[in-house]
Amino acid sequence: MAHTTETKVLTVRVPLFLADKVDHLAACLERSQSWIIQQALTAWIEQEEERDRLTRTALADVDAGRVIDHQAIRAWAESLNTDTPLPIPHRRN
């Protein structure tokens, strides 16, 4: 997590069970509630940024026609429980 000297106070209401979990983790880790919440928020934001990046990449692939035909995937999946499974389909370029 990047360190900064500037901060901003955010106020949020959370369900009691979630606040209790934060309190419990803070006590177990000997950290403040603020530290626990900063860690969680940082991880969530990184996850959402990555999800957005992957979605944009996938949409660009679709727009460019770099996709795998649905019927090819279905035939491959159905062949997996047979004695002669089909090779993995490849995307069209």
PDB file of N, CA and C in Angstrom:
ATOM      1  N   MET A   1       0.851  -1.168   0.000  1.00  0.00           N
ATOM      2  CA  MET A   1       0.000   0.000   0.000  1.00  0.00           C
ATOM      3  C   MET A   1       0.900   1.235   0.000  1.00  0.00           C
ATOM      4  N   ALA A   2       0.573   2.194  -0.846  1.00  0.00           N
ATOM      5  CA  ALA A   2       1.354   3.430  -0.922  1.00  0.00           C
ATOM      6  C   ALA A   2       1.143   4.239   0.353  1.00  0.00           C
ATOM      7  N   HIS A   3       2.220   4.816   0.829  1.00  0.00           N
ATOM      8  CA  HIS A   3       2.133   5.620   2.043  1.00  0.00           C
ATOM      9  C   HIS A   3       1.990   7.083   1.653  1.00  0.00           C
ATOM     10  N   THR A   4       1.161   7.789   2.359  1.00  0.00           N
ATOM     11  CA  THR A   4       0.970   9.203   2.118  1.00  0.00           C
ATOM     12  C   THR A   4       0.780   9.890   3.454  1.00  0.00           C
ATOM     13  N   THR A   5       1.180  11.140   3.515  1.00  0.00           N
ATOM     14  CA  THR A   5       1.010  11.874   4.762  1.00  0.00           C
ATOM     15  C   THR A   5      -0.343  12.568   4.807  1.00  0.00           C
ATOM     16  N   GLU A   6      -0.942  12.755   3.641  1.00  0.00           N
ATOM     17  CA  GLU A   6      -2.257  13.382   3.624  1.00  0.00           C
ATOM     18  C   GLU A   6      -3.324  12.314   3.785  1.00  0.00           C
ATOM     19  N   THR A   7      -4.347  12.636   4.557  1.00  0.00           N
ATOM     20  CA  THR A   7      -5.437  11.692   4.758  1.00  0.00           C
ATOM     21  C   THR A   7      -6.755  12.436   4.692  1.00  0.00           C
ATOM     22  N   LYS A   8      -7.807  11.666   4.569  1.00  0.00           N
ATOM     23  CA  LYS A   8      -9.157  12.211   4.573  1.00  0.00           C
ATOM     24  C   LYS A   8     -10.023  11.257   5.385  1.00  0.00           C
ATOM     25  N   VAL A   9     -10.823  11.791   6.242  1.00  0.00           N
ATOM     26  CA  VAL A   9     -11.702  10.974   7.065  1.00  0.00           C
ATOM     27  C   VAL A   9     -12.956  10.645   6.247  1.00  0.00           C
ATOM     28  N   LEU A  10     -13.266   9.361   6.181  1.00  0.00           N
ATOM     29  CA  LEU A  10     -14.491   8.894   5.540  1.00  0.00           C
ATOM     30  C   LEU A  10     -15.381   8.293   6.615  1.00  0.00           C
ATOM     31  N   THR A  11     -16.640   8.569   6.531  1.00  0.00           N
ATOM     32  CA  THR A  11     -17.587   8.011   7.487  1.00  0.00           C
ATOM     33  C   THR A  11     -18.477   7.019   6.749  1.00  0.00           C
ATOM     34  N   VAL A  12     -18.613   5.848   7.321  1.00  0.00           N
ATOM     35  CA  VAL A  12     -19.423   4.817   6.676  1.00  0.00           C
ATOM     36  C   VAL A  12     -20.166   4.030   7.747  1.00  0.00           C
ATOM     37  N   ARG A  13     -21.377   3.677   7.425  1.00  0.00           N
ATOM     38  CA  ARG A  13     -22.151   2.811   8.325  1.00  0.00           C
ATOM     39  C   ARG A  13     -22.033   1.382   7.817  1.00  0.00           C
ATOM     40  N   VAL A  14     -21.707   0.480   8.724  1.00  0.00           N
ATOM     41  CA  VAL A  14     -21.593  -0.935   8.367  1.00  0.00           C
ATOM     42  C   VAL A  14     -22.453  -1.749   9.322  1.00  0.00           C
ATOM     43  N   PRO A  15     -22.899  -2.903   8.881  1.00  0.00           N
ATOM     44  CA  PRO A  15     -23.659  -3.771   9.786  1.00  0.00           C
ATOM     45  C   PRO A  15     -22.821  -4.132  11.013  1.00  0.00           C
ATOM     46  N   LEU A  16     -23.488  -4.312  12.116  1.00  0.00           N
ATOM     47  CA  LEU A  16     -22.818  -4.606  13.378  1.00  0.00           C
ATOM     48  C   LEU A  16     -21.906  -5.826  13.278  1.00  0.00           C
ATOM     49  N   PHE A  17     -22.355  -6.867  12.575  1.00  0.00           N
ATOM     50  CA  PHE A  17     -21.530  -8.075  12.481  1.00  0.00           C
ATOM     51  C   PHE A  17     -20.213  -7.776  11.767  1.00  0.00           C
ATOM     52  N   LEU A  18     -20.229  -6.876  10.792  1.00  0.00           N
ATOM     53  CA  LEU A  18     -19.012  -6.520  10.077  1.00  0.00           C
ATOM     54  C   LEU A  18     -18.086  -5.680  10.964  1.00  0.00           C
ATOM     55  N   ALA A  19     -18.666  -4.747  11.704  1.00  0.00           N
ATOM     56  CA  ALA A  19     -17.874  -3.942  12.645  1.00  0.00           C
ATOM     57  C   ALA A  19     -17.230  -4.843  13.697  1.00  0.00           C
ATOM     58  N   ASP A  20     -17.982  -5.842  14.155  1.00  0.00           N
ATOM     59  CA  ASP A  20     -17.427  -6.785  15.131  1.00  0.00           C
ATOM     60  C   ASP A  20     -16.250  -7.560  14.545  1.00  0.00           C
ATOM     61  N   LYS A  21     -16.342  -7.932  13.274  1.00  0.00           N
ATOM     62  CA  LYS A  21     -15.242  -8.650  12.626  1.00  0.00           C
ATOM     63  C   LYS A  21     -14.009  -7.757  12.517  1.00  0.00           C
ATOM     64  N   VAL A  22     -14.219  -6.494  12.185  1.00  0.00           N
ATOM     65  CA  VAL A  22     -13.100  -5.554  12.119  1.00  0.00           C
ATOM     66  C   VAL A  22     -12.454  -5.440  13.494  1.00  0.00           C
ATOM     67  N   ASP A  23     -13.270  -5.278  14.525  1.00  0.00           N
ATOM     68  CA  ASP A  23     -12.747  -5.190  15.893  1.00  0.00           C
ATOM     69  C   ASP A  23     -11.938  -6.440  16.255  1.00  0.00           C
ATOM     70  N   HIS A  24     -12.477  -7.601  15.907  1.00  0.00           N
ATOM     71  CA  HIS A  24     -11.809  -8.864  16.220  1.00  0.00           C
ATOM     72  C   HIS A  24     -10.456  -8.962  15.507  1.00  0.00           C
ATOM     73  N   LEU A  25     -10.449  -8.655  14.197  1.00  0.00           N
ATOM     74  CA  LEU A  25      -9.195  -8.694  13.450  1.00  0.00           C
ATOM     75  C   LEU A  25      -8.188  -7.694  13.991  1.00  0.00           C
ATOM     76  N   ALA A  26      -8.658  -6.514  14.317  1.00  0.00           N
ATOM     77  CA  ALA A  26      -7.762  -5.489  14.854  1.00  0.00           C
ATOM     78  C   ALA A  26      -7.099  -5.987  16.141  1.00  0.00           C
ATOM     79  N   ALA A  27      -7.875  -6.614  16.991  1.00  0.00           N
ATOM     80  CA  ALA A  27      -7.332  -7.136  18.247  1.00  0.00           C
ATOM     81  C   ALA A  27      -6.357  -8.285  17.986  1.00  0.00           C
ATOM     82  N   CYS A  28      -6.730  -9.202  17.101  1.00  0.00           N
ATOM     83  CA  CYS A  28      -5.873 -10.356  16.810  1.00  0.00           C
ATOM     84  C   CYS A  28      -4.557  -9.934  16.170  1.00  0.00           C
ATOM     85  N   LEU A  29      -4.613  -8.955  15.304  1.00  0.00           N
ATOM     86  CA  LEU A  29      -3.417  -8.517  14.587  1.00  0.00           C
ATOM     87  C   LEU A  29      -2.675  -7.391  15.296  1.00  0.00           C
ATOM     88  N   GLU A  30      -3.255  -6.948  16.401  1.00  0.00           N
ATOM     89  CA  GLU A  30      -2.694  -5.819  17.149  1.00  0.00           C
ATOM     90  C   GLU A  30      -2.492  -4.612  16.236  1.00  0.00           C
ATOM     91  N   ARG A  31      -3.532  -4.323  15.472  1.00  0.00           N
ATOM     92  CA  ARG A  31      -3.559  -3.185  14.556  1.00  0.00           C
ATOM     93  C   ARG A  31      -4.803  -2.368  14.851  1.00  0.00           C
ATOM     94  N   SER A  32      -4.844  -1.169  14.304  1.00  0.00           N
ATOM     95  CA  SER A  32      -6.019  -0.325  14.521  1.00  0.00           C
ATOM     96  C   SER A  32      -7.144  -0.717  13.562  1.00  0.00           C
ATOM     97  N   GLN A  33      -8.343  -0.293  13.915  1.00  0.00           N
ATOM     98  CA  GLN A  33      -9.477  -0.494  13.003  1.00  0.00           C
ATOM     99  C   GLN A  33      -9.190   0.190  11.675  1.00  0.00           C
ATOM    100  N   SER A  34      -8.611   1.381  11.748  1.00  0.00           N
ATOM    101  CA  SER A  34      -8.293   2.136  10.543  1.00  0.00           C
ATOM    102  C   SER A  34      -7.357   1.348   9.632  1.00  0.00           C
ATOM    103  N   TRP A  35      -6.340   0.707  10.191  1.00  0.00           N
ATOM    104  CA  TRP A  35      -5.395  -0.067   9.397  1.00  0.00           C
ATOM    105  C   TRP A  35      -6.101  -1.226   8.704  1.00  0.00           C
ATOM    106  N   ILE A  36      -6.970  -1.931   9.448  1.00  0.00           N
ATOM    107  CA  ILE A  36      -7.715  -3.069   8.889  1.00  0.00           C
ATOM    108  C   ILE A  36      -8.571  -2.598   7.714  1.00  0.00           C
ATOM    109  N   ILE A  37      -9.283  -1.508   7.908  1.00  0.00           N
ATOM    110  CA  ILE A  37     -10.179  -1.005   6.872  1.00  0.00           C
ATOM    111  C   ILE A  37      -9.383  -0.496   5.670  1.00  0.00           C
ATOM    112  N   GLN A  38      -8.246   0.153   5.898  1.00  0.00           N
ATOM    113  CA  GLN A  38      -7.396   0.600   4.787  1.00  0.00           C
ATOM    114  C   GLN A  38      -6.910  -0.584   3.957  1.00  0.00           C
ATOM    115  N   GLN A  39      -6.504  -1.647   4.634  1.00  0.00           N
ATOM    116  CA  GLN A  39      -6.053  -2.847   3.918  1.00  0.00           C
ATOM    117  C   GLN A  39      -7.175  -3.430   3.071  1.00  0.00           C
ATOM    118  N   ALA A  40      -8.347  -3.541   3.660  1.00  0.00           N
ATOM    119  CA  ALA A  40      -9.491  -4.114   2.950  1.00  0.00           C
ATOM    120  C   ALA A  40      -9.900  -3.245   1.762  1.00  0.00           C
ATOM    121  N   LEU A  41      -9.942  -1.947   1.972  1.00  0.00           N
ATOM    122  CA  LEU A  41     -10.343  -1.030   0.914  1.00  0.00           C
ATOM    123  C   LEU A  41      -9.318  -1.023  -0.223  1.00  0.00           C
ATOM    124  N   THR A  42      -8.049  -1.047   0.119  1.00  0.00           N
ATOM    125  CA  THR A  42      -7.003  -1.089  -0.900  1.00  0.00           C
ATOM    126  C   THR A  42      -7.122  -2.359  -1.740  1.00  0.00           C
ATOM    127  N   ALA A  43      -7.292  -3.492  -1.089  1.00  0.00           N
ATOM    128  CA  ALA A  43      -7.414  -4.760  -1.810  1.00  0.00           C
ATOM    129  C   ALA A  43      -8.642  -4.760  -2.709  1.00  0.00           C
ATOM    130  N   TRP A  44      -9.767  -4.241  -2.225  1.00  0.00           N
ATOM    131  CA  TRP A  44     -10.996  -4.215  -3.015  1.00  0.00           C
ATOM    132  C   TRP A  44     -10.838  -3.303  -4.227  1.00  0.00           C
ATOM    133  N   ILE A  45     -10.241  -2.136  -4.042  1.00  0.00           N
ATOM    134  CA  ILE A  45     -10.059  -1.207  -5.158  1.00  0.00           C
ATOM    135  C   ILE A  45      -9.133  -1.825  -6.212  1.00  0.00           C
ATOM    136  N   GLU A  46      -8.044  -2.463  -5.784  1.00  0.00           N
ATOM    137  CA  GLU A  46      -7.148  -3.121  -6.734  1.00  0.00           C
ATOM    138  C   GLU A  46      -7.881  -4.210  -7.506  1.00  0.00           C
ATOM    139  N   GLN A  47      -8.725  -4.969  -6.821  1.00  0.00           N
ATOM    140  CA  GLN A  47      -9.502  -6.028  -7.459  1.00  0.00           C
ATOM    141  C   GLN A  47     -10.464  -5.451  -8.495  1.00  0.00           C
ATOM    142  N   GLU A  48     -11.142  -4.380  -8.143  1.00  0.00           N
ATOM    143  CA  GLU A  48     -12.094  -3.766  -9.064  1.00  0.00           C
ATOM    144  C   GLU A  48     -11.390  -3.132 -10.261  1.00  0.00           C
ATOM    145  N   GLU A  49     -10.228  -2.537 -10.037  1.00  0.00           N
ATOM    146  CA  GLU A  49      -9.462  -1.976 -11.154  1.00  0.00           C
ATOM    147  C   GLU A  49      -9.013  -3.079 -12.109  1.00  0.00           C
ATOM    148  N   GLU A  50      -8.586  -4.209 -11.567  1.00  0.00           N
ATOM    149  CA  GLU A  50      -8.185  -5.339 -12.408  1.00  0.00           C
ATOM    150  C   GLU A  50      -9.385  -5.917 -13.155  1.00  0.00           C
ATOM    151  N   ARG A  51     -10.529  -6.015 -12.492  1.00  0.00           N
ATOM    152  CA  ARG A  51     -11.734  -6.510 -13.149  1.00  0.00           C
ATOM    153  C   ARG A  51     -12.109  -5.596 -14.314  1.00  0.00           C
ATOM    154  N   ASP A  52     -12.005  -4.288 -14.110  1.00  0.00           N
ATOM    155  CA  ASP A  52     -12.314  -3.334 -15.172  1.00  0.00           C
ATOM    156  C   ASP A  52     -11.332  -3.487 -16.335  1.00  0.00           C
ATOM    157  N   ARG A  53     -10.044  -3.634 -16.016  1.00  0.00           N
ATOM    158  CA  ARG A  53      -9.040  -3.806 -17.069  1.00  0.00           C
ATOM    159  C   ARG A  53      -9.312  -5.070 -17.883  1.00  0.00           C
ATOM    160  N   LEU A  54      -9.607  -6.174 -17.194  1.00  0.00           N
ATOM    161  CA  LEU A  54      -9.884  -7.431 -17.883  1.00  0.00           C
ATOM    162  C   LEU A  54     -11.154  -7.345 -18.726  1.00  0.00           C
ATOM    163  N   THR A  55     -12.159  -6.651 -18.228  1.00  0.00           N
ATOM    164  CA  THR A  55     -13.398  -6.483 -18.983  1.00  0.00           C
ATOM    165  C   THR A  55     -13.146  -5.681 -20.252  1.00  0.00           C
ATOM    166  N   ARG A  56     -12.393  -4.598 -20.134  1.00  0.00           N
ATOM    167  CA  ARG A  56     -12.079  -3.776 -21.315  1.00  0.00           C
ATOM    168  C   ARG A  56     -11.259  -4.571 -22.333  1.00  0.00           C
ATOM    169  N   THR A  57     -10.325  -5.382 -21.864  1.00  0.00           N
ATOM    170  CA  THR A  57      -9.536  -6.225 -22.760  1.00  0.00           C
ATOM    171  C   THR A  57     -10.429  -7.237 -23.469  1.00  0.00           C
ATOM    172  N   ALA A  58     -11.321  -7.858 -22.721  1.00  0.00           N
ATOM    173  CA  ALA A  58     -12.235  -8.840 -23.308  1.00  0.00           C
ATOM    174  C   ALA A  58     -13.155  -8.196 -24.335  1.00  0.00           C
ATOM    175  N   LEU A  59     -13.673  -7.021 -24.024  1.00  0.00           N
ATOM    176  CA  LEU A  59     -14.548  -6.333 -24.972  1.00  0.00           C
ATOM    177  C   LEU A  59     -13.793  -5.939 -26.237  1.00  0.00           C
ATOM    178  N   ALA A  60     -12.538  -5.549 -26.095  1.00  0.00           N
ATOM    179  CA  ALA A  60     -11.715  -5.225 -27.268  1.00  0.00           C
ATOM    180  C   ALA A  60     -11.508  -6.474 -28.122  1.00  0.00           C
ATOM    181  N   ASP A  61     -11.299  -7.625 -27.468  1.00  0.00           N
ATOM    182  CA  ASP A  61     -11.167  -8.884 -28.209  1.00  0.00           C
ATOM    183  C   ASP A  61     -12.451  -9.194 -28.982  1.00  0.00           C
ATOM    184  N   VAL A  62     -13.582  -9.021 -28.343  1.00  0.00           N
ATOM    185  CA  VAL A  62     -14.862  -9.273 -29.008  1.00  0.00           C
ATOM    186  C   VAL A  62     -15.031  -8.315 -30.188  1.00  0.00           C
ATOM    187  N   ASP A  63     -14.760  -7.038 -29.966  1.00  0.00           N
ATOM    188  CA  ASP A  63     -14.883  -6.054 -31.044  1.00  0.00           C
ATOM    189  C   ASP A  63     -13.986  -6.385 -32.232  1.00  0.00           C
ATOM    190  N   ALA A  64     -12.814  -6.963 -31.941  1.00  0.00           N
ATOM    191  CA  ALA A  64     -11.859  -7.310 -32.998  1.00  0.00           C
ATOM    192  C   ALA A  64     -12.137  -8.688 -33.601  1.00  0.00           C
ATOM    193  N   GLY A  65     -13.151  -9.373 -33.081  1.00  0.00           N
ATOM    194  CA  GLY A  65     -13.492 -10.691 -33.609  1.00  0.00           C
ATOM    195  C   GLY A  65     -12.637 -11.818 -33.080  1.00  0.00           C
ATOM    196  N   ARG A  66     -11.863 -11.553 -32.028  1.00  0.00           N
ATOM    197  CA  ARG A  66     -11.010 -12.593 -31.432  1.00  0.00           C
ATOM    198  C   ARG A  66     -11.835 -13.366 -30.404  1.00  0.00           C
ATOM    199  N   VAL A  67     -12.659 -14.279 -30.901  1.00  0.00           N
ATOM    200  CA  VAL A  67     -13.576 -15.028 -30.049  1.00  0.00           C
ATOM    201  C   VAL A  67     -13.521 -16.507 -30.436  1.00  0.00           C
ATOM    202  N   ILE A  68     -14.067 -17.345 -29.602  1.00  0.00           N
ATOM    203  CA  ILE A  68     -14.203 -18.770 -29.895  1.00  0.00           C
ATOM    204  C   ILE A  68     -15.682 -19.043 -30.112  1.00  0.00           C
ATOM    205  N   ASP A  69     -15.984 -19.732 -31.188  1.00  0.00           N
ATOM    206  CA  ASP A  69     -17.362 -20.039 -31.547  1.00  0.00           C
ATOM    207  C   ASP A  69     -18.047 -20.845 -30.436  1.00  0.00           C
ATOM    208  N   HIS A  70     -19.252 -20.435 -30.094  1.00  0.00           N
ATOM    209  CA  HIS A  70     -20.002 -21.091 -29.016  1.00  0.00           C
ATOM    210  C   HIS A  70     -20.208 -22.576 -29.300  1.00  0.00           C
ATOM    211  N   GLN A  71     -20.563 -22.904 -30.524  1.00  0.00           N
ATOM    212  CA  GLN A  71     -20.802 -24.317 -30.859  1.00  0.00           C
ATOM    213  C   GLN A  71     -19.527 -25.144 -30.725  1.00  0.00           C
ATOM    214  N   ALA A  72     -18.386 -24.550 -31.044  1.00  0.00           N
ATOM    215  CA  ALA A  72     -17.114 -25.267 -30.902  1.00  0.00           C
ATOM    216  C   ALA A  72     -16.820 -25.548 -29.425  1.00  0.00           C
ATOM    217  N   ILE A  73     -17.075 -24.572 -28.577  1.00  0.00           N
ATOM    218  CA  ILE A  73     -16.874 -24.766 -27.134  1.00  0.00           C
ATOM    219  C   ILE A  73     -17.825 -25.828 -26.607  1.00  0.00           C
ATOM    220  N   ARG A  74     -19.070 -25.755 -27.024  1.00  0.00           N
ATOM    221  CA  ARG A  74     -20.075 -26.725 -26.559  1.00  0.00           C
ATOM    222  C   ARG A  74     -19.688 -28.142 -26.983  1.00  0.00           C
ATOM    223  N   ALA A  75     -19.286 -28.318 -28.246  1.00  0.00           N
ATOM    224  CA  ALA A  75     -18.892 -29.638 -28.733  1.00  0.00           C
ATOM    225  C   ALA A  75     -17.677 -30.150 -27.960  1.00  0.00           C
ATOM    226  N   TRP A  76     -16.708 -29.259 -27.714  1.00  0.00           N
ATOM    227  CA  TRP A  76     -15.524 -29.648 -26.945  1.00  0.00           C
ATOM    228  C   TRP A  76     -15.912 -30.080 -25.535  1.00  0.00           C
ATOM    229  N   ALA A  77     -16.744 -29.283 -24.867  1.00  0.00           N
ATOM    230  CA  ALA A  77     -17.152 -29.592 -23.491  1.00  0.00           C
ATOM    231  C   ALA A  77     -17.897 -30.923 -23.432  1.00  0.00           C
ATOM    232  N   GLU A  78     -18.765 -31.156 -24.392  1.00  0.00           N
ATOM    233  CA  GLU A  78     -19.524 -32.412 -24.394  1.00  0.00           C
ATOM    234  C   GLU A  78     -18.639 -33.610 -24.697  1.00  0.00           C
ATOM    235  N   SER A  79     -17.501 -33.376 -25.347  1.00  0.00           N
ATOM    236  CA  SER A  79     -16.608 -34.490 -25.683  1.00  0.00           C
ATOM    237  C   SER A  79     -15.709 -34.889 -24.510  1.00  0.00           C
ATOM    238  N   LEU A  80     -15.647 -34.078 -23.488  1.00  0.00           N
ATOM    239  CA  LEU A  80     -14.708 -34.344 -22.392  1.00  0.00           C
ATOM    240  C   LEU A  80     -14.997 -35.637 -21.638  1.00  0.00           C
ATOM    241  N   ASN A  81     -16.247 -36.063 -21.605  1.00  0.00           N
ATOM    242  CA  ASN A  81     -16.595 -37.305 -20.898  1.00  0.00           C
ATOM    243  C   ASN A  81     -16.629 -38.502 -21.833  1.00  0.00           C
ATOM    244  N   THR A  82     -16.035 -38.375 -23.015  1.00  0.00           N
ATOM    245  CA  THR A  82     -16.014 -39.482 -23.965  1.00  0.00           C
ATOM    246  C   THR A  82     -14.606 -40.071 -24.028  1.00  0.00           C
ATOM    247  N   ASP A  83     -14.499 -41.164 -24.769  1.00  0.00           N
ATOM    248  CA  ASP A  83     -13.191 -41.800 -24.947  1.00  0.00           C
ATOM    249  C   ASP A  83     -12.305 -41.024 -25.919  1.00  0.00           C
ATOM    250  N   THR A  84     -12.906 -40.135 -26.711  1.00  0.00           N
ATOM    251  CA  THR A  84     -12.138 -39.371 -27.702  1.00  0.00           C
ATOM    252  C   THR A  84     -12.475 -37.880 -27.590  1.00  0.00           C
ATOM    253  N   PRO A  85     -11.960 -37.221 -26.538  1.00  0.00           N
ATOM    254  CA  PRO A  85     -12.250 -35.796 -26.405  1.00  0.00           C
ATOM    255  C   PRO A  85     -11.648 -34.988 -27.561  1.00  0.00           C
ATOM    256  N   LEU A  86     -12.349 -33.956 -27.931  1.00  0.00           N
ATOM    257  CA  LEU A  86     -11.879 -33.065 -28.994  1.00  0.00           C
ATOM    258  C   LEU A  86     -10.742 -32.187 -28.471  1.00  0.00           C
ATOM    259  N   PRO A  87      -9.873 -31.693 -29.369  1.00  0.00           N
ATOM    260  CA  PRO A  87      -8.857 -30.742 -28.923  1.00  0.00           C
ATOM    261  C   PRO A  87      -9.504 -29.442 -28.501  1.00  0.00           C
ATOM    262  N   ILE A  88      -8.810 -28.696 -27.661  1.00  0.00           N
ATOM    263  CA  ILE A  88      -9.326 -27.414 -27.185  1.00  0.00           C
ATOM    264  C   ILE A  88      -9.507 -26.469 -28.373  1.00  0.00           C
ATOM    265  N   PRO A  89     -10.691 -25.888 -28.510  1.00  0.00           N
ATOM    266  CA  PRO A  89     -10.905 -24.946 -29.621  1.00  0.00           C
ATOM    267  C   PRO A  89     -10.048 -23.696 -29.461  1.00  0.00           C
ATOM    268  N   HIS A  90      -9.666 -23.113 -30.564  1.00  0.00           N
ATOM    269  CA  HIS A  90      -8.883 -21.880 -30.552  1.00  0.00           C
ATOM    270  C   HIS A  90      -9.718 -20.737 -31.082  1.00  0.00           C
ATOM    271  N   ARG A  91      -9.371 -19.542 -30.647  1.00  0.00           N
ATOM    272  CA  ARG A  91     -10.137 -18.370 -31.060  1.00  0.00           C
ATOM    273  C   ARG A  91      -9.862 -18.045 -32.512  1.00  0.00           C
ATOM    274  N   ARG A  92     -10.874 -17.415 -33.109  1.00  0.00           N
ATOM    275  CA  ARG A  92     -10.726 -16.917 -34.474  1.00  0.00           C
ATOM    276  C   ARG A  92      -9.987 -15.596 -34.395  1.00  0.00           C
ATOM    277  N   ASN A  93      -9.137 -15.336 -35.320  1.00  0.00           N
ATOM    278  CA  ASN A  93      -8.413 -14.062 -35.361  1.00  0.00           C
ATOM    279  C   ASN A  93      -8.960 -13.172 -36.440  1.00  0.00           C
TER     280      ASN A  93
END
